[in-house]
């Protein structure tokens, strides 16, 4: 696999012109887990509720014992918001849902 194939661009809803290249396998594993657990309608789930539900879905080879899952969860959440695939409900605490 070429190095370009092993990386993917991750966007940020808060800084649309800032793009980072991250590990594709970890990104895709987290994205798939998030999209599997986040509901498709508001009010959605809090970040803590999402993490509780997605941890069992993550491959242990990529996230041993859930290591670094919080960082990846936040990064993928911001990326999905920037791509128009996830949104925030106007609640406190924030809740997220799929579009």
PDB file of N, CA and C in Angstrom:
ATOM      1  N   UNK A   1       0.841  -1.175   0.000  1.00  0.00           N
ATOM      2  CA  UNK A   1       0.000   0.000   0.000  1.00  0.00           C
ATOM      3  C   UNK A   1       0.885   1.236   0.000  1.00  0.00           C
ATOM      4  N   UNK A   2       0.572   2.148  -0.900  1.00  0.00           N
ATOM      5  CA  UNK A   2       1.319   3.403  -0.934  1.00  0.00           C
ATOM      6  C   UNK A   2       0.983   4.210   0.310  1.00  0.00           C
ATOM      7  N   UNK A   3       1.921   5.086   0.718  1.00  0.00           N
ATOM      8  CA  UNK A   3       1.694   5.921   1.897  1.00  0.00           C
ATOM      9  C   UNK A   3       0.449   6.785   1.728  1.00  0.00           C
ATOM     10  N   UNK A   4       0.200   7.274   0.493  1.00  0.00           N
ATOM     11  CA  UNK A   4      -0.986   8.087   0.228  1.00  0.00           C
ATOM     12  C   UNK A   4      -2.262   7.308   0.511  1.00  0.00           C
ATOM     13  N   UNK A   5      -2.256   6.015   0.223  1.00  0.00           N
ATOM     14  CA  UNK A   5      -3.424   5.180   0.455  1.00  0.00           C
ATOM     15  C   UNK A   5      -3.646   4.914   1.940  1.00  0.00           C
ATOM     16  N   UNK A   6      -2.606   4.997   2.743  1.00  0.00           N
ATOM     17  CA  UNK A   6      -2.703   4.719   4.168  1.00  0.00           C
ATOM     18  C   UNK A   6      -3.178   5.935   4.961  1.00  0.00           C
ATOM     19  N   UNK A   7      -3.318   7.077   4.311  1.00  0.00           N
ATOM     20  CA  UNK A   7      -3.713   8.318   4.983  1.00  0.00           C
ATOM     21  C   UNK A   7      -4.987   8.858   4.339  1.00  0.00           C
ATOM     22  N   UNK A   8      -5.710   9.634   5.110  1.00  0.00           N
ATOM     23  CA  UNK A   8      -6.940  10.245   4.611  1.00  0.00           C
ATOM     24  C   UNK A   8      -7.026  11.664   5.172  1.00  0.00           C
ATOM     25  N   UNK A   9      -7.642  12.562   4.423  1.00  0.00           N
ATOM     26  CA  UNK A   9      -7.788  13.927   4.889  1.00  0.00           C
ATOM     27  C   UNK A   9      -8.952  14.032   5.865  1.00  0.00           C
ATOM     28  N   UNK A  10      -8.689  14.673   6.999  1.00  0.00           N
ATOM     29  CA  UNK A  10      -9.715  14.893   8.013  1.00  0.00           C
ATOM     30  C   UNK A  10      -9.949  16.397   8.118  1.00  0.00           C
ATOM     31  N   UNK A  11     -11.206  16.805   7.968  1.00  0.00           N
ATOM     32  CA  UNK A  11     -11.591  18.207   8.018  1.00  0.00           C
ATOM     33  C   UNK A  11     -12.015  18.594   9.433  1.00  0.00           C
ATOM     34  N   UNK A  12     -12.242  19.894   9.632  1.00  0.00           N
ATOM     35  CA  UNK A  12     -12.687  20.385  10.940  1.00  0.00           C
ATOM     36  C   UNK A  12     -13.741  21.452  10.713  1.00  0.00           C
ATOM     37  N   UNK A  13     -14.942  21.245  11.237  1.00  0.00           N
ATOM     38  CA  UNK A  13     -16.043  22.191  11.064  1.00  0.00           C
ATOM     39  C   UNK A  13     -15.681  23.575  11.599  1.00  0.00           C
ATOM     40  N   UNK A  14     -14.803  23.630  12.598  1.00  0.00           N
ATOM     41  CA  UNK A  14     -14.427  24.904  13.210  1.00  0.00           C
ATOM     42  C   UNK A  14     -13.350  25.648  12.438  1.00  0.00           C
ATOM     43  N   UNK A  15     -12.668  24.960  11.535  1.00  0.00           N
ATOM     44  CA  UNK A  15     -11.598  25.557  10.754  1.00  0.00           C
ATOM     45  C   UNK A  15     -11.565  24.855   9.391  1.00  0.00           C
ATOM     46  N   UNK A  16     -12.476  25.253   8.529  1.00  0.00           N
ATOM     47  CA  UNK A  16     -12.691  24.530   7.276  1.00  0.00           C
ATOM     48  C   UNK A  16     -11.481  24.504   6.347  1.00  0.00           C
ATOM     49  N   UNK A  17     -10.566  25.433   6.487  1.00  0.00           N
ATOM     50  CA  UNK A  17      -9.399  25.461   5.605  1.00  0.00           C
ATOM     51  C   UNK A  17      -8.225  24.663   6.164  1.00  0.00           C
ATOM     52  N   UNK A  18      -8.384  24.147   7.383  1.00  0.00           N
ATOM     53  CA  UNK A  18      -7.320  23.356   8.001  1.00  0.00           C
ATOM     54  C   UNK A  18      -7.622  21.872   7.794  1.00  0.00           C
ATOM     55  N   UNK A  19      -6.755  21.210   7.054  1.00  0.00           N
ATOM     56  CA  UNK A  19      -6.926  19.793   6.744  1.00  0.00           C
ATOM     57  C   UNK A  19      -5.727  19.036   7.291  1.00  0.00           C
ATOM     58  N   UNK A  20      -5.987  17.934   7.977  1.00  0.00           N
ATOM     59  CA  UNK A  20      -4.892  17.096   8.454  1.00  0.00           C
ATOM     60  C   UNK A  20      -5.013  15.721   7.803  1.00  0.00           C
ATOM     61  N   UNK A  21      -3.889  15.096   7.570  1.00  0.00           N
ATOM     62  CA  UNK A  21      -3.870  13.741   7.009  1.00  0.00           C
ATOM     63  C   UNK A  21      -3.622  12.774   8.147  1.00  0.00           C
ATOM     64  N   UNK A  22      -4.522  11.808   8.286  1.00  0.00           N
ATOM     65  CA  UNK A  22      -4.463  10.873   9.408  1.00  0.00           C
ATOM     66  C   UNK A  22      -4.501   9.440   8.893  1.00  0.00           C
ATOM     67  N   UNK A  23      -4.255   8.511   9.803  1.00  0.00           N
ATOM     68  CA  UNK A  23      -4.269   7.083   9.487  1.00  0.00           C
ATOM     69  C   UNK A  23      -5.653   6.665   8.982  1.00  0.00           C
ATOM     70  N   UNK A  24      -5.700   6.150   7.771  1.00  0.00           N
ATOM     71  CA  UNK A  24      -6.971   5.776   7.138  1.00  0.00           C
ATOM     72  C   UNK A  24      -7.694   4.669   7.899  1.00  0.00           C
ATOM     73  N   UNK A  25      -6.997   3.648   8.338  1.00  0.00           N
ATOM     74  CA  UNK A  25      -7.656   2.520   9.014  1.00  0.00           C
ATOM     75  C   UNK A  25      -8.326   2.976  10.309  1.00  0.00           C
ATOM     76  N   UNK A  26      -7.640   3.796  11.093  1.00  0.00           N
ATOM     77  CA  UNK A  26      -8.234   4.283  12.344  1.00  0.00           C
ATOM     78  C   UNK A  26      -9.405   5.219  12.065  1.00  0.00           C
ATOM     79  N   UNK A  27      -9.239   6.103  11.095  1.00  0.00           N
ATOM     80  CA  UNK A  27     -10.313   7.021  10.740  1.00  0.00           C
ATOM     81  C   UNK A  27     -11.561   6.242  10.315  1.00  0.00           C
ATOM     82  N   UNK A  28     -11.383   5.293   9.397  1.00  0.00           N
ATOM     83  CA  UNK A  28     -12.528   4.551   8.877  1.00  0.00           C
ATOM     84  C   UNK A  28     -13.191   3.694   9.945  1.00  0.00           C
ATOM     85  N   UNK A  29     -12.394   3.107  10.837  1.00  0.00           N
ATOM     86  CA  UNK A  29     -12.966   2.314  11.929  1.00  0.00           C
ATOM     87  C   UNK A  29     -13.808   3.199  12.841  1.00  0.00           C
ATOM     88  N   UNK A  30     -13.294   4.368  13.190  1.00  0.00           N
ATOM     89  CA  UNK A  30     -14.034   5.281  14.065  1.00  0.00           C
ATOM     90  C   UNK A  30     -15.257   5.832  13.349  1.00  0.00           C
ATOM     91  N   UNK A  31     -15.107   6.221  12.099  1.00  0.00           N
ATOM     92  CA  UNK A  31     -16.249   6.748  11.338  1.00  0.00           C
ATOM     93  C   UNK A  31     -17.374   5.718  11.250  1.00  0.00           C
ATOM     94  N   UNK A  32     -17.019   4.485  10.921  1.00  0.00           N
ATOM     95  CA  UNK A  32     -18.035   3.447  10.797  1.00  0.00           C
ATOM     96  C   UNK A  32     -18.732   3.190  12.127  1.00  0.00           C
ATOM     97  N   UNK A  33     -17.968   3.175  13.226  1.00  0.00           N
ATOM     98  CA  UNK A  33     -18.556   2.961  14.551  1.00  0.00           C
ATOM     99  C   UNK A  33     -19.471   4.130  14.918  1.00  0.00           C
ATOM    100  N   UNK A  34     -19.021   5.355  14.655  1.00  0.00           N
ATOM    101  CA  UNK A  34     -19.847   6.522  14.989  1.00  0.00           C
ATOM    102  C   UNK A  34     -21.139   6.531  14.201  1.00  0.00           C
ATOM    103  N   UNK A  35     -21.058   6.273  12.915  1.00  0.00           N
ATOM    104  CA  UNK A  35     -22.269   6.283  12.098  1.00  0.00           C
ATOM    105  C   UNK A  35     -23.216   5.149  12.484  1.00  0.00           C
ATOM    106  N   UNK A  36     -22.673   4.087  13.051  1.00  0.00           N
ATOM    107  CA  UNK A  36     -23.507   2.969  13.490  1.00  0.00           C
ATOM    108  C   UNK A  36     -24.270   3.290  14.773  1.00  0.00           C
ATOM    109  N   UNK A  37     -23.724   4.136  15.636  1.00  0.00           N
ATOM    110  CA  UNK A  37     -24.362   4.377  16.934  1.00  0.00           C
ATOM    111  C   UNK A  37     -25.114   5.695  17.024  1.00  0.00           C
ATOM    112  N   UNK A  38     -24.759   6.680  16.221  1.00  0.00           N
ATOM    113  CA  UNK A  38     -25.402   7.991  16.300  1.00  0.00           C
ATOM    114  C   UNK A  38     -26.753   7.919  15.588  1.00  0.00           C
ATOM    115  N   UNK A  39     -27.821   8.355  16.263  1.00  0.00           N
ATOM    116  CA  UNK A  39     -29.149   8.290  15.646  1.00  0.00           C
ATOM    117  C   UNK A  39     -29.302   9.266  14.489  1.00  0.00           C
ATOM    118  N   UNK A  40     -30.284   8.990  13.631  1.00  0.00           N
ATOM    119  CA  UNK A  40     -30.499   9.803  12.437  1.00  0.00           C
ATOM    120  C   UNK A  40     -31.458  10.966  12.664  1.00  0.00           C
ATOM    121  N   UNK A  41     -31.829  11.197  13.906  1.00  0.00           N
ATOM    122  CA  UNK A  41     -32.727  12.325  14.159  1.00  0.00           C
ATOM    123  C   UNK A  41     -32.387  12.974  15.491  1.00  0.00           C
ATOM    124  N   UNK A  42     -32.709  14.259  15.620  1.00  0.00           N
ATOM    125  CA  UNK A  42     -32.446  14.961  16.874  1.00  0.00           C
ATOM    126  C   UNK A  42     -33.321  14.400  17.989  1.00  0.00           C
ATOM    127  N   UNK A  43     -32.973  14.513  19.236  1.00  0.00           N
ATOM    128  CA  UNK A  43     -31.865  15.310  19.722  1.00  0.00           C
ATOM    129  C   UNK A  43     -30.524  14.585  19.653  1.00  0.00           C
ATOM    130  N   UNK A  44     -30.477  13.298  19.398  1.00  0.00           N
ATOM    131  CA  UNK A  44     -29.215  12.589  19.270  1.00  0.00           C
ATOM    132  C   UNK A  44     -28.629  12.154  20.597  1.00  0.00           C
ATOM    133  N   UNK A  45     -27.316  11.934  20.596  1.00  0.00           N
ATOM    134  CA  UNK A  45     -26.591  11.454  21.767  1.00  0.00           C
ATOM    135  C   UNK A  45     -25.506  12.440  22.168  1.00  0.00           C
ATOM    136  N   UNK A  46     -25.158  12.444  23.448  1.00  0.00           N
ATOM    137  CA  UNK A  46     -24.031  13.257  23.909  1.00  0.00           C
ATOM    138  C   UNK A  46     -22.737  12.563  23.487  1.00  0.00           C
ATOM    139  N   UNK A  47     -21.630  13.281  23.556  1.00  0.00           N
ATOM    140  CA  UNK A  47     -20.323  12.694  23.216  1.00  0.00           C
ATOM    141  C   UNK A  47     -20.019  11.511  24.135  1.00  0.00           C
ATOM    142  N   UNK A  48     -20.360  11.631  25.426  1.00  0.00           N
ATOM    143  CA  UNK A  48     -20.108  10.537  26.371  1.00  0.00           C
ATOM    144  C   UNK A  48     -20.946   9.312  26.020  1.00  0.00           C
ATOM    145  N   UNK A  49     -22.203   9.521  25.632  1.00  0.00           N
ATOM    146  CA  UNK A  49     -23.062   8.397  25.247  1.00  0.00           C
ATOM    147  C   UNK A  49     -22.548   7.728  23.979  1.00  0.00           C
ATOM    148  N   UNK A  50     -22.088   8.540  23.035  1.00  0.00           N
ATOM    149  CA  UNK A  50     -21.534   7.993  21.798  1.00  0.00           C
ATOM    150  C   UNK A  50     -20.322   7.134  22.112  1.00  0.00           C
ATOM    151  N   UNK A  51     -19.420   7.640  22.962  1.00  0.00           N
ATOM    152  CA  UNK A  51     -18.199   6.894  23.286  1.00  0.00           C
ATOM    153  C   UNK A  51     -18.525   5.557  23.934  1.00  0.00           C
ATOM    154  N   UNK A  52     -19.461   5.545  24.859  1.00  0.00           N
ATOM    155  CA  UNK A  52     -19.847   4.298  25.532  1.00  0.00           C
ATOM    156  C   UNK A  52     -20.347   3.272  24.524  1.00  0.00           C
ATOM    157  N   UNK A  53     -21.126   3.730  23.542  1.00  0.00           N
ATOM    158  CA  UNK A  53     -21.701   2.811  22.560  1.00  0.00           C
ATOM    159  C   UNK A  53     -20.708   2.381  21.480  1.00  0.00           C
ATOM    160  N   UNK A  54     -19.759   3.249  21.142  1.00  0.00           N
ATOM    161  CA  UNK A  54     -18.862   2.894  20.034  1.00  0.00           C
ATOM    162  C   UNK A  54     -17.638   2.093  20.463  1.00  0.00           C
ATOM    163  N   UNK A  55     -17.215   2.211  21.717  1.00  0.00           N
ATOM    164  CA  UNK A  55     -16.006   1.488  22.151  1.00  0.00           C
ATOM    165  C   UNK A  55     -16.055  -0.008  21.851  1.00  0.00           C
ATOM    166  N   UNK A  56     -17.172  -0.705  22.105  1.00  0.00           N
ATOM    167  CA  UNK A  56     -17.191  -2.140  21.788  1.00  0.00           C
ATOM    168  C   UNK A  56     -17.106  -2.445  20.291  1.00  0.00           C
ATOM    169  N   UNK A  57     -17.379  -1.463  19.451  1.00  0.00           N
ATOM    170  CA  UNK A  57     -17.349  -1.674  18.002  1.00  0.00           C
ATOM    171  C   UNK A  57     -15.976  -1.456  17.380  1.00  0.00           C
ATOM    172  N   UNK A  58     -15.057  -0.868  18.136  1.00  0.00           N
ATOM    173  CA  UNK A  58     -13.731  -0.554  17.597  1.00  0.00           C
ATOM    174  C   UNK A  58     -12.821  -1.773  17.630  1.00  0.00           C
ATOM    175  N   UNK A  59     -12.045  -2.008  16.568  1.00  0.00           N
ATOM    176  CA  UNK A  59     -11.113  -3.129  16.555  1.00  0.00           C
ATOM    177  C   UNK A  59     -10.001  -2.929  17.587  1.00  0.00           C
ATOM    178  N   UNK A  60      -9.777  -3.934  18.403  1.00  0.00           N
ATOM    179  CA  UNK A  60      -8.757  -3.851  19.442  1.00  0.00           C
ATOM    180  C   UNK A  60      -7.356  -3.699  18.847  1.00  0.00           C
ATOM    181  N   UNK A  61      -7.163  -4.168  17.630  1.00  0.00           N
ATOM    182  CA  UNK A  61      -5.853  -4.040  16.985  1.00  0.00           C
ATOM    183  C   UNK A  61      -5.510  -2.571  16.718  1.00  0.00           C
ATOM    184  N   UNK A  62      -6.531  -1.747  16.470  1.00  0.00           N
ATOM    185  CA  UNK A  62      -6.301  -0.330  16.195  1.00  0.00           C
ATOM    186  C   UNK A  62      -6.429   0.539  17.439  1.00  0.00           C
ATOM    187  N   UNK A  63      -7.315   0.146  18.348  1.00  0.00           N
ATOM    188  CA  UNK A  63      -7.576   0.915  19.564  1.00  0.00           C
ATOM    189  C   UNK A  63      -7.500  -0.017  20.770  1.00  0.00           C
ATOM    190  N   UNK A  64      -6.306  -0.502  21.125  1.00  0.00           N
ATOM    191  CA  UNK A  64      -6.187  -1.465  22.226  1.00  0.00           C
ATOM    192  C   UNK A  64      -6.715  -0.886  23.537  1.00  0.00           C
ATOM    193  N   UNK A  65      -7.735  -1.547  24.074  1.00  0.00           N
ATOM    194  CA  UNK A  65      -8.331  -1.082  25.317  1.00  0.00           C
ATOM    195  C   UNK A  65      -8.978   0.289  25.194  1.00  0.00           C
ATOM    196  N   UNK A  66      -9.309   0.696  23.984  1.00  0.00           N
ATOM    197  CA  UNK A  66      -9.919   2.008  23.768  1.00  0.00           C
ATOM    198  C   UNK A  66      -8.922   3.149  23.733  1.00  0.00           C
ATOM    199  N   UNK A  67      -7.627   2.818  23.673  1.00  0.00           N
ATOM    200  CA  UNK A  67      -6.579   3.850  23.679  1.00  0.00           C
ATOM    201  C   UNK A  67      -6.776   4.835  22.531  1.00  0.00           C
ATOM    202  N   UNK A  68      -6.690   6.109  22.846  1.00  0.00           N
ATOM    203  CA  UNK A  68      -6.781   7.222  21.893  1.00  0.00           C
ATOM    204  C   UNK A  68      -8.153   7.341  21.243  1.00  0.00           C
ATOM    205  N   UNK A  69      -9.139   6.573  21.703  1.00  0.00           N
ATOM    206  CA  UNK A  69     -10.474   6.613  21.091  1.00  0.00           C
ATOM    207  C   UNK A  69     -11.105   7.995  21.245  1.00  0.00           C
ATOM    208  N   UNK A  70     -10.879   8.668  22.364  1.00  0.00           N
ATOM    209  CA  UNK A  70     -11.467   9.990  22.583  1.00  0.00           C
ATOM    210  C   UNK A  70     -10.990  11.005  21.566  1.00  0.00           C
ATOM    211  N   UNK A  71      -9.689  10.994  21.273  1.00  0.00           N
ATOM    212  CA  UNK A  71      -9.131  11.928  20.288  1.00  0.00           C
ATOM    213  C   UNK A  71      -9.731  11.646  18.921  1.00  0.00           C
ATOM    214  N   UNK A  72      -9.772  10.388  18.532  1.00  0.00           N
ATOM    215  CA  UNK A  72     -10.302  10.019  17.230  1.00  0.00           C
ATOM    216  C   UNK A  72     -11.791  10.303  17.150  1.00  0.00           C
ATOM    217  N   UNK A  73     -12.514  10.072  18.246  1.00  0.00           N
ATOM    218  CA  UNK A  73     -13.944  10.355  18.253  1.00  0.00           C
ATOM    219  C   UNK A  73     -14.191  11.835  17.958  1.00  0.00           C
ATOM    220  N   UNK A  74     -13.488  12.711  18.644  1.00  0.00           N
ATOM    221  CA  UNK A  74     -13.670  14.148  18.444  1.00  0.00           C
ATOM    222  C   UNK A  74     -13.268  14.568  17.032  1.00  0.00           C
ATOM    223  N   UNK A  75     -12.136  14.061  16.567  1.00  0.00           N
ATOM    224  CA  UNK A  75     -11.678  14.410  15.222  1.00  0.00           C
ATOM    225  C   UNK A  75     -12.657  13.970  14.147  1.00  0.00           C
ATOM    226  N   UNK A  76     -13.152  12.744  14.257  1.00  0.00           N
ATOM    227  CA  UNK A  76     -14.093  12.230  13.254  1.00  0.00           C
ATOM    228  C   UNK A  76     -15.427  12.963  13.369  1.00  0.00           C
ATOM    229  N   UNK A  77     -15.857  13.277  14.590  1.00  0.00           N
ATOM    230  CA  UNK A  77     -17.098  14.042  14.771  1.00  0.00           C
ATOM    231  C   UNK A  77     -16.992  15.393  14.052  1.00  0.00           C
ATOM    232  N   UNK A  78     -15.892  16.113  14.252  1.00  0.00           N
ATOM    233  CA  UNK A  78     -15.700  17.404  13.585  1.00  0.00           C
ATOM    234  C   UNK A  78     -15.635  17.243  12.070  1.00  0.00           C
ATOM    235  N   UNK A  79     -15.003  16.159  11.597  1.00  0.00           N
ATOM    236  CA  UNK A  79     -14.907  15.888  10.172  1.00  0.00           C
ATOM    237  C   UNK A  79     -16.286  15.610   9.586  1.00  0.00           C
ATOM    238  N   UNK A  80     -17.064  14.776  10.253  1.00  0.00           N
ATOM    239  CA  UNK A  80     -18.402  14.452   9.752  1.00  0.00           C
ATOM    240  C   UNK A  80     -19.305  15.686   9.744  1.00  0.00           C
ATOM    241  N   UNK A  81     -19.138  16.557  10.720  1.00  0.00           N
ATOM    242  CA  UNK A  81     -19.897  17.815  10.708  1.00  0.00           C
ATOM    243  C   UNK A  81     -19.479  18.664   9.505  1.00  0.00           C
ATOM    244  N   UNK A  82     -18.183  18.757   9.252  1.00  0.00           N
ATOM    245  CA  UNK A  82     -17.684  19.549   8.122  1.00  0.00           C
ATOM    246  C   UNK A  82     -18.163  18.988   6.791  1.00  0.00           C
ATOM    247  N   UNK A  83     -18.340  17.691   6.708  1.00  0.00           N
ATOM    248  CA  UNK A  83     -18.787  17.031   5.473  1.00  0.00           C
ATOM    249  C   UNK A  83     -20.308  16.990   5.347  1.00  0.00           C
ATOM    250  N   UNK A  84     -21.020  17.507   6.346  1.00  0.00           N
ATOM    251  CA  UNK A  84     -22.477  17.527   6.298  1.00  0.00           C
ATOM    252  C   UNK A  84     -23.132  16.190   6.570  1.00  0.00           C
ATOM    253  N   UNK A  85     -22.442  15.304   7.282  1.00  0.00           N
ATOM    254  CA  UNK A  85     -22.992  13.992   7.594  1.00  0.00           C
ATOM    255  C   UNK A  85     -23.451  13.874   9.045  1.00  0.00           C
ATOM    256  N   UNK A  86     -23.127  14.879   9.863  1.00  0.00           N
ATOM    257  CA  UNK A  86     -23.508  14.880  11.264  1.00  0.00           C
ATOM    258  C   UNK A  86     -23.775  16.326  11.666  1.00  0.00           C
ATOM    259  N   UNK A  87     -24.668  16.497  12.652  1.00  0.00           N
ATOM    260  CA  UNK A  87     -24.993  17.849  13.125  1.00  0.00           C
ATOM    261  C   UNK A  87     -25.128  17.846  14.640  1.00  0.00           C
ATOM    262  N   UNK A  88     -25.081  19.056  15.198  1.00  0.00           N
ATOM    263  CA  UNK A  88     -25.256  19.251  16.635  1.00  0.00           C
ATOM    264  C   UNK A  88     -26.668  19.744  16.893  1.00  0.00           C
ATOM    265  N   UNK A  89     -27.288  19.201  17.930  1.00  0.00           N
ATOM    266  CA  UNK A  89     -28.567  19.747  18.378  1.00  0.00           C
ATOM    267  C   UNK A  89     -28.262  20.906  19.318  1.00  0.00           C
ATOM    268  N   UNK A  90     -29.126  21.886  19.364  1.00  0.00           N
ATOM    269  CA  UNK A  90     -28.922  23.067  20.213  1.00  0.00           C
ATOM    270  C   UNK A  90     -29.336  22.739  21.650  1.00  0.00           C
ATOM    271  N   UNK A  91     -28.586  21.880  22.285  1.00  0.00           N
ATOM    272  CA  UNK A  91     -28.872  21.445  23.655  1.00  0.00           C
ATOM    273  C   UNK A  91     -27.619  21.588  24.495  1.00  0.00           C
ATOM    274  N   UNK A  92     -27.788  21.500  25.793  1.00  0.00           N
ATOM    275  CA  UNK A  92     -26.660  21.433  26.724  1.00  0.00           C
ATOM    276  C   UNK A  92     -26.889  20.242  27.616  1.00  0.00           C
ATOM    277  N   UNK A  93     -26.008  19.267  27.669  1.00  0.00           N
ATOM    278  CA  UNK A  93     -24.784  19.196  26.867  1.00  0.00           C
ATOM    279  C   UNK A  93     -25.112  18.982  25.379  1.00  0.00           C
ATOM    280  N   UNK A  94     -24.115  19.253  24.548  1.00  0.00           N
ATOM    281  CA  UNK A  94     -24.308  19.066  23.106  1.00  0.00           C
ATOM    282  C   UNK A  94     -24.705  17.640  22.792  1.00  0.00           C
ATOM    283  N   UNK A  95     -25.587  17.495  21.829  1.00  0.00           N
ATOM    284  CA  UNK A  95     -25.987  16.180  21.346  1.00  0.00           C
ATOM    285  C   UNK A  95     -25.767  16.169  19.831  1.00  0.00           C
ATOM    286  N   UNK A  96     -25.445  15.002  19.317  1.00  0.00           N
ATOM    287  CA  UNK A  96     -25.104  14.860  17.900  1.00  0.00           C
ATOM    288  C   UNK A  96     -26.027  13.841  17.248  1.00  0.00           C
ATOM    289  N   UNK A  97     -26.340  14.091  15.974  1.00  0.00           N
ATOM    290  CA  UNK A  97     -27.159  13.166  15.208  1.00  0.00           C
ATOM    291  C   UNK A  97     -26.697  13.176  13.761  1.00  0.00           C
ATOM    292  N   UNK A  98     -27.017  12.083  13.045  1.00  0.00           N
ATOM    293  CA  UNK A  98     -26.638  11.965  11.632  1.00  0.00           C
ATOM    294  C   UNK A  98     -27.603  12.755  10.757  1.00  0.00           C
ATOM    295  N   UNK A  99     -27.109  13.198   9.627  1.00  0.00           N
ATOM    296  CA  UNK A  99     -27.964  13.881   8.639  1.00  0.00           C
ATOM    297  C   UNK A  99     -28.262  12.946   7.487  1.00  0.00           C
TER     298      UNK A  99
END
